[in-house]
């Protein structure tokens, strides 16, 4: 035997000038009649909500359209930024010194890079390998071309000779798709949020 639907409860019309008790005919119905619906639509508070809702829809639409216009290069840049930010947070929270000079890093400003041991240009397949990237002073990374000899010494001390040998001998080829890059960006943004949460 088919069960009959439960009886609907009465509601008060939200129109301040009405307030009549009514039985809703559909889910989410807040007013008792079309005239009360029109009155509520003209209510300044509701108009403000509607404007905010439309503005939010516009923002979402623009975001979606911008995402569609992005090139693979744009996605690669964003993934690299997310990865580099994670590396800086990881090493800052661990209290690491500059990987190449061994000097304290200035975390207060914009003086710390995420420096790659094997550069992104010469070993693009290792650009997102966490063993290959460490916090480094801008001085060493940009003006001393990565200070590779001292970087290697610091890297052996940090991750061990075997891991450094593995990085140096890795000649694999990796072609990142747009979907790969989106996943990498999402992963490292999430990992960075987790680190920031621990630091708070």
N, C-alpha and C. Protein backbone atom coordinates (compact mmCIF):
# COMPACT_ATOMS: atom_id res chain seq x y z
N UNK A 1 0.84 -1.20 0.00
CA UNK A 1 0.00 0.00 0.00
C UNK A 1 0.87 1.24 0.00
N UNK A 2 0.55 2.17 -0.88
CA UNK A 2 1.34 3.38 -1.04
C UNK A 2 1.08 4.33 0.12
N UNK A 3 2.20 4.85 0.68
CA UNK A 3 2.05 5.79 1.78
C UNK A 3 1.69 7.17 1.23
N UNK A 4 0.79 7.84 1.92
CA UNK A 4 0.44 9.20 1.49
C UNK A 4 1.50 10.14 2.02
N UNK A 5 1.84 11.20 1.23
CA UNK A 5 2.88 12.14 1.68
C UNK A 5 2.45 12.83 2.96
N UNK A 6 3.44 13.20 3.82
CA UNK A 6 3.09 13.86 5.08
C UNK A 6 2.42 15.21 4.82
N UNK A 7 1.50 15.55 5.69
CA UNK A 7 0.80 16.84 5.54
C UNK A 7 1.77 17.98 5.74
N UNK A 8 1.65 19.01 4.90
CA UNK A 8 2.55 20.16 5.00
C UNK A 8 2.12 21.06 6.15
N UNK A 9 3.11 21.60 6.83
CA UNK A 9 2.82 22.49 7.95
C UNK A 9 2.60 23.91 7.46
N UNK A 10 1.84 24.63 8.23
CA UNK A 10 1.61 26.04 7.89
C UNK A 10 2.87 26.85 8.17
N UNK A 11 3.02 27.91 7.36
CA UNK A 11 4.13 28.86 7.52
C UNK A 11 3.56 30.25 7.62
N UNK A 12 4.34 31.17 8.14
CA UNK A 12 3.96 32.58 8.14
C UNK A 12 4.55 33.25 6.91
N UNK A 13 3.77 34.03 6.23
CA UNK A 13 4.23 34.77 5.07
C UNK A 13 5.33 35.74 5.53
N UNK A 14 6.46 35.75 4.79
CA UNK A 14 7.59 36.59 5.20
C UNK A 14 7.37 38.08 4.89
N UNK A 15 6.36 38.38 4.10
CA UNK A 15 6.05 39.79 3.82
C UNK A 15 5.63 40.44 5.14
N UNK A 16 6.40 41.41 5.59
CA UNK A 16 6.18 42.05 6.90
C UNK A 16 4.79 42.67 7.01
N UNK A 17 4.22 43.11 5.89
CA UNK A 17 2.90 43.75 5.91
C UNK A 17 1.77 42.73 5.89
N UNK A 18 2.11 41.45 5.68
CA UNK A 18 1.07 40.41 5.59
C UNK A 18 1.10 39.51 6.83
N UNK A 19 2.08 38.62 6.88
CA UNK A 19 2.21 37.71 8.03
C UNK A 19 1.15 36.63 8.12
N UNK A 20 0.38 36.43 7.05
CA UNK A 20 -0.68 35.42 7.04
C UNK A 20 -0.09 34.01 7.14
N UNK A 21 -0.81 33.14 7.86
CA UNK A 21 -0.41 31.73 7.92
C UNK A 21 -0.93 31.05 6.65
N UNK A 22 -0.06 30.25 6.00
CA UNK A 22 -0.48 29.57 4.75
C UNK A 22 0.22 28.23 4.67
N UNK A 23 -0.34 27.36 3.84
CA UNK A 23 0.27 26.04 3.59
C UNK A 23 1.05 26.13 2.28
N UNK A 24 2.38 25.98 2.33
CA UNK A 24 3.20 26.08 1.10
C UNK A 24 2.80 25.04 0.06
N UNK A 25 2.77 25.45 -1.18
CA UNK A 25 2.43 24.55 -2.27
C UNK A 25 3.67 23.96 -2.94
N UNK A 26 4.83 24.57 -2.65
CA UNK A 26 6.08 24.06 -3.22
C UNK A 26 7.23 24.27 -2.22
N UNK A 27 8.28 23.53 -2.41
CA UNK A 27 9.45 23.59 -1.53
C UNK A 27 10.08 24.99 -1.58
N UNK A 28 10.37 25.55 -0.44
CA UNK A 28 11.02 26.85 -0.37
C UNK A 28 10.09 28.04 -0.51
N UNK A 29 8.79 27.80 -0.61
CA UNK A 29 7.84 28.91 -0.74
C UNK A 29 7.80 29.72 0.56
N UNK A 30 7.99 31.04 0.45
CA UNK A 30 8.08 31.88 1.65
C UNK A 30 6.95 32.89 1.76
N UNK A 31 6.21 33.06 0.67
CA UNK A 31 5.11 34.04 0.67
C UNK A 31 3.80 33.35 0.34
N UNK A 32 2.70 33.98 0.75
CA UNK A 32 1.40 33.33 0.59
C UNK A 32 0.76 33.56 -0.77
N UNK A 33 1.19 34.61 -1.48
CA UNK A 33 0.51 34.93 -2.74
C UNK A 33 1.46 35.68 -3.69
N UNK A 34 1.06 35.77 -4.97
CA UNK A 34 1.88 36.51 -5.94
C UNK A 34 2.07 37.98 -5.54
N UNK A 35 1.04 38.59 -4.96
CA UNK A 35 1.16 40.01 -4.59
C UNK A 35 2.21 40.19 -3.49
N UNK A 36 2.25 39.24 -2.53
CA UNK A 36 3.27 39.30 -1.48
C UNK A 36 4.66 39.03 -2.08
N UNK A 37 4.73 38.16 -3.09
CA UNK A 37 6.00 37.87 -3.75
C UNK A 37 6.53 39.13 -4.42
N UNK A 38 5.65 39.89 -5.09
CA UNK A 38 6.05 41.16 -5.73
C UNK A 38 6.51 42.17 -4.69
N UNK A 39 5.78 42.24 -3.58
CA UNK A 39 6.13 43.18 -2.51
C UNK A 39 7.52 42.84 -1.95
N UNK A 40 7.78 41.55 -1.77
CA UNK A 40 9.08 41.13 -1.24
C UNK A 40 10.21 41.41 -2.23
N UNK A 41 9.91 41.25 -3.52
CA UNK A 41 10.92 41.51 -4.54
C UNK A 41 11.33 42.99 -4.53
N UNK A 42 10.39 43.87 -4.19
CA UNK A 42 10.68 45.31 -4.15
C UNK A 42 11.34 45.73 -2.84
N UNK A 43 11.37 44.85 -1.87
CA UNK A 43 11.98 45.14 -0.58
C UNK A 43 13.48 45.42 -0.79
N UNK A 44 13.99 46.59 -0.33
CA UNK A 44 15.39 46.95 -0.56
C UNK A 44 16.38 45.89 -0.06
N UNK A 45 16.08 45.25 1.05
CA UNK A 45 17.00 44.22 1.59
C UNK A 45 17.11 43.06 0.62
N UNK A 46 15.96 42.67 0.03
CA UNK A 46 15.98 41.56 -0.92
C UNK A 46 16.65 41.96 -2.23
N UNK A 47 16.48 43.21 -2.62
CA UNK A 47 17.13 43.68 -3.85
C UNK A 47 18.65 43.66 -3.70
N UNK A 48 19.11 44.04 -2.50
CA UNK A 48 20.55 44.01 -2.24
C UNK A 48 21.09 42.59 -2.32
N UNK A 49 20.32 41.64 -1.75
CA UNK A 49 20.72 40.22 -1.82
C UNK A 49 20.78 39.76 -3.27
N UNK A 50 19.77 40.18 -4.05
CA UNK A 50 19.72 39.77 -5.45
C UNK A 50 20.91 40.34 -6.22
N UNK A 51 21.24 41.61 -5.95
CA UNK A 51 22.39 42.23 -6.63
C UNK A 51 23.69 41.49 -6.27
N UNK A 52 23.83 41.12 -4.99
CA UNK A 52 25.03 40.39 -4.56
C UNK A 52 25.11 39.03 -5.24
N UNK A 53 23.95 38.35 -5.31
CA UNK A 53 23.91 37.03 -5.95
C UNK A 53 24.28 37.13 -7.43
N UNK A 54 23.76 38.16 -8.12
CA UNK A 54 24.09 38.35 -9.54
C UNK A 54 25.57 38.68 -9.72
N UNK A 55 26.10 39.52 -8.82
CA UNK A 55 27.52 39.88 -8.90
C UNK A 55 28.40 38.64 -8.72
N UNK A 56 28.01 37.76 -7.80
CA UNK A 56 28.76 36.52 -7.56
C UNK A 56 28.71 35.62 -8.78
N UNK A 57 27.52 35.54 -9.42
CA UNK A 57 27.40 34.75 -10.65
C UNK A 57 28.30 35.30 -11.75
N UNK A 58 28.35 36.64 -11.85
CA UNK A 58 29.22 37.28 -12.84
C UNK A 58 30.68 36.94 -12.58
N UNK A 59 31.09 37.00 -11.30
CA UNK A 59 32.47 36.70 -10.94
C UNK A 59 32.82 35.25 -11.30
N UNK A 60 31.89 34.33 -11.00
CA UNK A 60 32.13 32.92 -11.32
C UNK A 60 32.23 32.71 -12.82
N UNK A 61 31.37 33.40 -13.57
CA UNK A 61 31.36 33.29 -15.02
C UNK A 61 32.69 33.79 -15.60
N UNK A 62 33.17 34.92 -15.09
CA UNK A 62 34.43 35.49 -15.55
C UNK A 62 35.58 34.53 -15.24
N UNK A 63 35.54 33.94 -14.04
CA UNK A 63 36.59 32.99 -13.63
C UNK A 63 36.63 31.80 -14.57
N UNK A 64 35.44 31.26 -14.91
CA UNK A 64 35.35 30.11 -15.80
C UNK A 64 35.90 30.47 -17.19
N UNK A 65 35.51 31.67 -17.68
CA UNK A 65 35.97 32.09 -19.01
C UNK A 65 37.48 32.33 -19.04
N UNK A 66 38.01 32.91 -17.96
CA UNK A 66 39.47 33.13 -17.87
C UNK A 66 40.21 31.80 -17.87
N UNK A 67 39.65 30.83 -17.14
CA UNK A 67 40.27 29.50 -17.05
C UNK A 67 40.35 28.86 -18.44
N UNK A 68 39.29 29.04 -19.25
CA UNK A 68 39.26 28.46 -20.59
C UNK A 68 40.28 29.10 -21.52
N UNK A 69 40.60 30.38 -21.26
CA UNK A 69 41.54 31.11 -22.12
C UNK A 69 43.00 30.83 -21.80
N UNK A 70 43.26 30.17 -20.67
CA UNK A 70 44.64 29.93 -20.25
C UNK A 70 45.35 28.96 -21.19
N UNK A 71 46.61 29.28 -21.47
CA UNK A 71 47.44 28.39 -22.30
C UNK A 71 48.12 27.36 -21.39
N UNK A 72 48.77 26.38 -22.00
CA UNK A 72 49.52 25.40 -21.22
C UNK A 72 50.62 26.12 -20.42
N UNK A 73 51.21 27.14 -21.04
CA UNK A 73 52.26 27.91 -20.37
C UNK A 73 51.74 28.60 -19.11
N UNK A 74 50.52 29.11 -19.18
CA UNK A 74 49.90 29.75 -18.00
C UNK A 74 49.73 28.72 -16.88
N UNK A 75 49.25 27.54 -17.24
CA UNK A 75 49.05 26.48 -16.24
C UNK A 75 50.38 26.02 -15.64
N UNK A 76 51.41 25.96 -16.49
CA UNK A 76 52.74 25.56 -16.03
C UNK A 76 53.28 26.59 -15.03
N UNK A 77 53.12 27.86 -15.35
CA UNK A 77 53.59 28.94 -14.47
C UNK A 77 52.88 28.89 -13.11
N UNK A 78 51.56 28.69 -13.15
CA UNK A 78 50.77 28.64 -11.90
C UNK A 78 51.15 27.42 -11.05
N UNK A 79 51.37 26.28 -11.71
CA UNK A 79 51.78 25.07 -10.98
C UNK A 79 53.15 25.29 -10.34
N UNK A 80 54.07 25.93 -11.09
CA UNK A 80 55.41 26.19 -10.56
C UNK A 80 55.36 27.15 -9.37
N UNK A 81 54.51 28.17 -9.46
CA UNK A 81 54.35 29.12 -8.34
C UNK A 81 53.85 28.41 -7.09
N UNK A 82 52.86 27.53 -7.27
CA UNK A 82 52.30 26.79 -6.13
C UNK A 82 53.36 25.87 -5.52
N UNK A 83 54.13 25.19 -6.37
CA UNK A 83 55.20 24.30 -5.90
C UNK A 83 56.26 25.10 -5.15
N UNK A 84 56.71 26.21 -5.73
CA UNK A 84 57.77 27.02 -5.12
C UNK A 84 57.33 27.59 -3.77
N UNK A 85 56.08 28.00 -3.68
CA UNK A 85 55.58 28.54 -2.41
C UNK A 85 55.62 27.44 -1.33
N UNK A 86 55.23 26.23 -1.73
CA UNK A 86 55.27 25.11 -0.78
C UNK A 86 56.70 24.87 -0.29
N UNK A 87 57.67 24.88 -1.21
CA UNK A 87 59.07 24.63 -0.84
C UNK A 87 59.55 25.67 0.17
N UNK A 88 59.20 26.94 -0.07
CA UNK A 88 59.63 28.00 0.87
C UNK A 88 59.01 27.79 2.24
N UNK A 89 57.71 27.47 2.28
CA UNK A 89 57.05 27.21 3.57
C UNK A 89 57.63 25.98 4.26
N UNK A 90 57.87 24.92 3.49
CA UNK A 90 58.43 23.69 4.06
C UNK A 90 59.76 23.97 4.76
N UNK A 91 60.64 24.70 4.05
CA UNK A 91 61.97 24.93 4.59
C UNK A 91 61.98 25.98 5.70
N UNK A 92 61.06 26.94 5.60
CA UNK A 92 60.97 27.94 6.66
C UNK A 92 60.53 27.28 7.97
N UNK A 93 59.50 26.45 7.91
CA UNK A 93 59.00 25.79 9.12
C UNK A 93 60.02 24.80 9.68
N UNK A 94 60.85 24.24 8.80
CA UNK A 94 61.88 23.30 9.26
C UNK A 94 63.10 24.03 9.81
N UNK A 95 63.13 25.36 9.63
CA UNK A 95 64.26 26.15 10.13
C UNK A 95 65.53 25.97 9.33
N UNK A 96 65.39 25.62 8.04
CA UNK A 96 66.57 25.38 7.20
C UNK A 96 67.32 26.67 6.88
N UNK A 97 68.62 26.54 6.73
CA UNK A 97 69.47 27.63 6.26
C UNK A 97 69.47 27.60 4.73
N UNK A 98 70.10 28.58 4.11
CA UNK A 98 70.23 28.58 2.65
C UNK A 98 70.94 27.29 2.24
N UNK A 99 70.38 26.56 1.28
CA UNK A 99 70.91 25.27 0.87
C UNK A 99 72.34 25.36 0.34
N UNK A 100 72.70 26.50 -0.25
CA UNK A 100 74.03 26.61 -0.84
C UNK A 100 75.04 27.33 0.05
N UNK A 101 74.66 28.44 0.65
CA UNK A 101 75.63 29.20 1.46
C UNK A 101 75.68 28.74 2.91
N UNK A 102 74.59 28.10 3.37
CA UNK A 102 74.53 27.69 4.77
C UNK A 102 74.24 28.83 5.72
N UNK A 103 73.90 30.00 5.16
CA UNK A 103 73.61 31.18 5.99
C UNK A 103 72.12 31.25 6.31
N UNK A 104 71.76 31.94 7.43
CA UNK A 104 70.34 32.11 7.74
C UNK A 104 69.63 32.87 6.62
N UNK A 105 68.38 32.50 6.39
CA UNK A 105 67.58 33.14 5.34
C UNK A 105 66.72 34.24 5.94
N UNK A 106 66.51 35.30 5.17
CA UNK A 106 65.68 36.42 5.61
C UNK A 106 64.24 36.17 5.14
N UNK A 107 63.43 35.60 6.04
CA UNK A 107 62.05 35.25 5.69
C UNK A 107 61.11 36.45 5.79
N UNK A 108 61.59 37.58 6.29
CA UNK A 108 60.70 38.72 6.53
C UNK A 108 60.29 39.43 5.25
N UNK A 109 61.14 39.39 4.26
CA UNK A 109 60.83 40.11 3.02
C UNK A 109 60.63 39.17 1.86
N UNK A 110 61.23 39.53 0.73
CA UNK A 110 61.09 38.74 -0.49
C UNK A 110 62.48 38.30 -0.95
N UNK A 111 63.28 37.83 0.01
CA UNK A 111 64.69 37.54 -0.27
C UNK A 111 64.99 36.05 -0.42
N UNK A 112 63.95 35.22 -0.43
CA UNK A 112 64.17 33.76 -0.49
C UNK A 112 63.52 33.19 -1.75
N UNK A 113 64.30 32.41 -2.48
CA UNK A 113 63.79 31.71 -3.67
C UNK A 113 63.64 30.22 -3.36
N UNK A 114 62.88 29.55 -4.19
CA UNK A 114 62.86 28.09 -4.20
C UNK A 114 63.83 27.72 -5.32
N UNK A 115 65.08 27.43 -4.94
CA UNK A 115 66.12 27.18 -5.93
C UNK A 115 66.24 25.72 -6.29
N UNK A 116 66.31 25.45 -7.60
CA UNK A 116 66.46 24.08 -8.08
C UNK A 116 67.94 23.71 -8.19
N UNK A 117 68.29 22.50 -7.76
CA UNK A 117 69.67 22.01 -7.92
C UNK A 117 69.95 21.80 -9.40
N UNK A 118 69.16 20.93 -10.03
CA UNK A 118 69.23 20.82 -11.49
C UNK A 118 68.17 21.77 -12.03
N UNK A 119 68.59 22.72 -12.80
CA UNK A 119 67.70 23.82 -13.21
C UNK A 119 66.52 23.33 -14.04
N UNK A 120 65.46 24.13 -14.00
CA UNK A 120 64.24 23.83 -14.75
C UNK A 120 64.55 23.78 -16.25
N UNK A 121 65.51 24.61 -16.70
CA UNK A 121 65.88 24.62 -18.12
C UNK A 121 66.61 23.36 -18.54
N UNK A 122 67.53 22.87 -17.70
CA UNK A 122 68.32 21.69 -18.09
C UNK A 122 67.65 20.37 -17.72
N UNK A 123 66.77 20.40 -16.71
CA UNK A 123 66.09 19.16 -16.28
C UNK A 123 64.62 19.46 -15.97
N UNK A 124 63.83 19.77 -17.00
CA UNK A 124 62.43 20.14 -16.76
C UNK A 124 61.60 19.03 -16.11
N UNK A 125 62.05 17.78 -16.27
CA UNK A 125 61.32 16.64 -15.67
C UNK A 125 61.46 16.62 -14.15
N UNK A 126 62.41 17.40 -13.60
CA UNK A 126 62.62 17.44 -12.14
C UNK A 126 62.10 18.74 -11.51
N UNK A 127 61.38 19.53 -12.30
CA UNK A 127 60.94 20.84 -11.79
C UNK A 127 60.01 20.71 -10.59
N UNK A 128 59.27 19.60 -10.48
CA UNK A 128 58.35 19.40 -9.34
C UNK A 128 58.84 18.29 -8.39
N UNK A 129 60.12 17.98 -8.45
CA UNK A 129 60.70 16.97 -7.55
C UNK A 129 61.16 17.71 -6.28
N UNK A 130 60.56 17.37 -5.15
CA UNK A 130 60.85 18.08 -3.90
C UNK A 130 62.29 17.92 -3.44
N UNK A 131 62.95 16.82 -3.85
CA UNK A 131 64.36 16.62 -3.48
C UNK A 131 65.27 17.59 -4.23
N UNK A 132 64.82 18.06 -5.39
CA UNK A 132 65.62 18.89 -6.28
C UNK A 132 65.44 20.39 -6.03
N UNK A 133 64.62 20.75 -5.06
CA UNK A 133 64.30 22.17 -4.86
C UNK A 133 64.31 22.50 -3.36
N UNK A 134 65.03 23.58 -3.03
CA UNK A 134 65.19 23.96 -1.62
C UNK A 134 65.26 25.47 -1.50
N UNK A 135 64.94 25.97 -0.31
CA UNK A 135 65.00 27.41 -0.05
C UNK A 135 66.45 27.87 -0.20
N UNK A 136 66.59 28.98 -0.93
CA UNK A 136 67.91 29.50 -1.26
C UNK A 136 67.83 31.02 -1.30
N UNK A 137 68.89 31.68 -0.89
CA UNK A 137 68.87 33.15 -0.95
C UNK A 137 68.81 33.59 -2.40
N UNK A 138 68.14 34.71 -2.65
CA UNK A 138 68.07 35.25 -4.01
C UNK A 138 69.47 35.54 -4.53
N UNK A 139 70.34 35.98 -3.64
CA UNK A 139 71.74 36.28 -4.01
C UNK A 139 72.38 35.06 -4.67
N UNK A 140 72.27 33.89 -4.01
CA UNK A 140 72.90 32.68 -4.54
C UNK A 140 72.17 32.17 -5.78
N UNK A 141 70.84 32.20 -5.74
CA UNK A 141 70.06 31.62 -6.83
C UNK A 141 70.16 32.45 -8.11
N UNK A 142 70.05 33.77 -7.97
CA UNK A 142 69.96 34.61 -9.17
C UNK A 142 71.29 35.23 -9.60
N UNK A 143 72.12 35.59 -8.62
CA UNK A 143 73.34 36.32 -8.98
C UNK A 143 74.58 35.44 -8.99
N UNK A 144 74.48 34.26 -8.40
CA UNK A 144 75.61 33.31 -8.43
C UNK A 144 75.23 32.06 -9.23
N UNK A 145 74.24 32.20 -10.10
CA UNK A 145 73.78 31.11 -10.98
C UNK A 145 73.47 29.83 -10.21
N UNK A 146 72.87 29.99 -9.03
CA UNK A 146 72.47 28.85 -8.22
C UNK A 146 73.56 28.34 -7.30
N UNK A 147 74.80 28.87 -7.46
CA UNK A 147 75.92 28.47 -6.60
C UNK A 147 75.98 26.93 -6.53
N UNK A 148 76.08 26.31 -7.70
CA UNK A 148 75.89 24.85 -7.84
C UNK A 148 76.84 23.99 -7.00
N UNK A 149 78.11 24.39 -6.90
CA UNK A 149 79.08 23.57 -6.15
C UNK A 149 78.69 23.51 -4.68
N UNK A 150 78.42 24.69 -4.09
CA UNK A 150 78.02 24.73 -2.68
C UNK A 150 76.62 24.13 -2.48
N UNK A 151 75.75 24.29 -3.50
CA UNK A 151 74.41 23.69 -3.42
C UNK A 151 74.56 22.18 -3.27
N UNK A 152 75.45 21.59 -4.07
CA UNK A 152 75.63 20.13 -4.03
C UNK A 152 76.10 19.67 -2.65
N UNK A 153 77.01 20.43 -2.06
CA UNK A 153 77.51 20.09 -0.72
C UNK A 153 76.37 20.14 0.29
N UNK A 154 75.57 21.22 0.22
CA UNK A 154 74.43 21.37 1.13
C UNK A 154 73.37 20.30 0.90
N UNK A 155 73.20 19.93 -0.36
CA UNK A 155 72.18 18.93 -0.72
C UNK A 155 72.57 17.54 -0.20
N UNK A 156 73.85 17.19 -0.33
CA UNK A 156 74.31 15.89 0.18
C UNK A 156 74.08 15.82 1.69
N UNK A 157 74.39 16.95 2.38
CA UNK A 157 74.18 16.98 3.84
C UNK A 157 72.71 16.84 4.20
N UNK A 158 71.84 17.34 3.33
CA UNK A 158 70.40 17.34 3.66
C UNK A 158 69.69 16.07 3.24
N UNK A 159 69.94 15.55 2.03
CA UNK A 159 69.16 14.40 1.56
C UNK A 159 70.01 13.14 1.35
N UNK A 160 71.33 13.27 1.47
CA UNK A 160 72.21 12.10 1.35
C UNK A 160 72.79 11.93 -0.04
N UNK A 161 73.96 11.29 -0.09
CA UNK A 161 74.68 11.10 -1.36
C UNK A 161 73.88 10.27 -2.37
N UNK A 162 73.21 9.22 -1.88
CA UNK A 162 72.47 8.34 -2.80
C UNK A 162 71.37 9.10 -3.53
N UNK A 163 70.63 9.95 -2.79
CA UNK A 163 69.54 10.71 -3.41
C UNK A 163 70.08 11.73 -4.40
N UNK A 164 71.24 12.34 -4.08
CA UNK A 164 71.85 13.31 -5.01
C UNK A 164 72.32 12.59 -6.27
N UNK A 165 72.93 11.41 -6.12
CA UNK A 165 73.36 10.62 -7.29
C UNK A 165 72.16 10.28 -8.17
N UNK A 166 71.05 9.95 -7.53
CA UNK A 166 69.83 9.60 -8.27
C UNK A 166 69.33 10.81 -9.08
N UNK A 167 69.33 11.99 -8.45
CA UNK A 167 68.91 13.21 -9.15
C UNK A 167 69.83 13.48 -10.34
N UNK A 168 71.14 13.34 -10.12
CA UNK A 168 72.12 13.67 -11.16
C UNK A 168 72.06 12.71 -12.34
N UNK A 169 71.67 11.46 -12.08
CA UNK A 169 71.64 10.47 -13.16
C UNK A 169 70.28 10.38 -13.85
N UNK A 170 69.29 11.09 -13.33
CA UNK A 170 67.93 11.01 -13.88
C UNK A 170 67.85 11.78 -15.20
N UNK A 171 67.72 11.04 -16.29
CA UNK A 171 67.60 11.65 -17.63
C UNK A 171 66.24 11.34 -18.26
N UNK A 172 65.27 11.03 -17.42
CA UNK A 172 63.95 10.68 -17.95
C UNK A 172 63.29 11.89 -18.62
N UNK A 173 62.26 11.61 -19.38
CA UNK A 173 61.52 12.67 -20.07
C UNK A 173 60.11 12.70 -19.50
N UNK A 174 59.65 13.89 -19.18
CA UNK A 174 58.29 14.02 -18.62
C UNK A 174 57.60 15.17 -19.33
N UNK A 175 56.48 14.88 -19.96
CA UNK A 175 55.68 15.91 -20.62
C UNK A 175 54.42 16.11 -19.78
N UNK A 176 54.30 17.28 -19.17
CA UNK A 176 53.14 17.56 -18.33
C UNK A 176 51.96 18.04 -19.17
N UNK A 177 50.82 17.39 -19.00
CA UNK A 177 49.60 17.84 -19.69
C UNK A 177 48.98 18.96 -18.85
N UNK A 178 47.99 19.63 -19.42
CA UNK A 178 47.27 20.69 -18.69
C UNK A 178 46.61 20.09 -17.44
N UNK A 179 46.04 18.89 -17.59
CA UNK A 179 45.41 18.24 -16.43
C UNK A 179 46.43 17.91 -15.35
N UNK A 180 47.63 17.45 -15.77
CA UNK A 180 48.71 17.19 -14.81
C UNK A 180 49.03 18.46 -14.03
N UNK A 181 49.15 19.56 -14.76
CA UNK A 181 49.54 20.84 -14.14
C UNK A 181 48.47 21.35 -13.19
N UNK A 182 47.21 21.15 -13.55
CA UNK A 182 46.11 21.55 -12.66
C UNK A 182 46.16 20.75 -11.36
N UNK A 183 46.43 19.44 -11.50
CA UNK A 183 46.53 18.57 -10.32
C UNK A 183 47.70 18.97 -9.43
N UNK A 184 48.84 19.27 -10.05
CA UNK A 184 50.03 19.68 -9.30
C UNK A 184 49.76 20.98 -8.54
N UNK A 185 49.13 21.94 -9.23
CA UNK A 185 48.81 23.22 -8.58
C UNK A 185 47.88 23.00 -7.38
N UNK A 186 46.84 22.19 -7.57
CA UNK A 186 45.89 21.92 -6.48
C UNK A 186 46.58 21.21 -5.32
N UNK A 187 47.44 20.24 -5.64
CA UNK A 187 48.15 19.48 -4.61
C UNK A 187 49.02 20.39 -3.75
N UNK A 188 49.82 21.23 -4.41
CA UNK A 188 50.76 22.05 -3.64
C UNK A 188 50.08 23.23 -2.94
N UNK A 189 48.98 23.69 -3.48
CA UNK A 189 48.21 24.70 -2.74
C UNK A 189 47.65 24.10 -1.46
N UNK A 190 47.17 22.87 -1.56
CA UNK A 190 46.62 22.18 -0.37
C UNK A 190 47.72 21.92 0.65
N UNK A 191 48.90 21.49 0.18
CA UNK A 191 50.01 21.21 1.09
C UNK A 191 50.48 22.50 1.78
N UNK A 192 50.47 23.60 1.04
CA UNK A 192 50.88 24.89 1.61
C UNK A 192 49.87 25.36 2.65
N UNK A 193 48.57 25.18 2.35
CA UNK A 193 47.53 25.56 3.33
C UNK A 193 47.73 24.78 4.63
N UNK A 194 48.07 23.50 4.49
CA UNK A 194 48.29 22.67 5.67
C UNK A 194 49.47 23.20 6.51
N UNK A 195 50.56 23.58 5.82
CA UNK A 195 51.71 24.12 6.53
C UNK A 195 51.39 25.45 7.21
N UNK A 196 50.65 26.29 6.48
CA UNK A 196 50.26 27.59 7.07
C UNK A 196 49.38 27.39 8.30
N UNK A 197 48.53 26.37 8.24
CA UNK A 197 47.66 26.05 9.38
C UNK A 197 48.48 25.64 10.59
N UNK A 198 49.56 24.88 10.34
CA UNK A 198 50.43 24.46 11.43
C UNK A 198 51.19 25.63 12.03
N UNK A 199 51.51 26.61 11.15
CA UNK A 199 52.30 27.76 11.60
C UNK A 199 51.46 28.77 12.37
N UNK A 200 50.13 28.74 12.15
CA UNK A 200 49.25 29.75 12.77
C UNK A 200 49.16 29.58 14.28
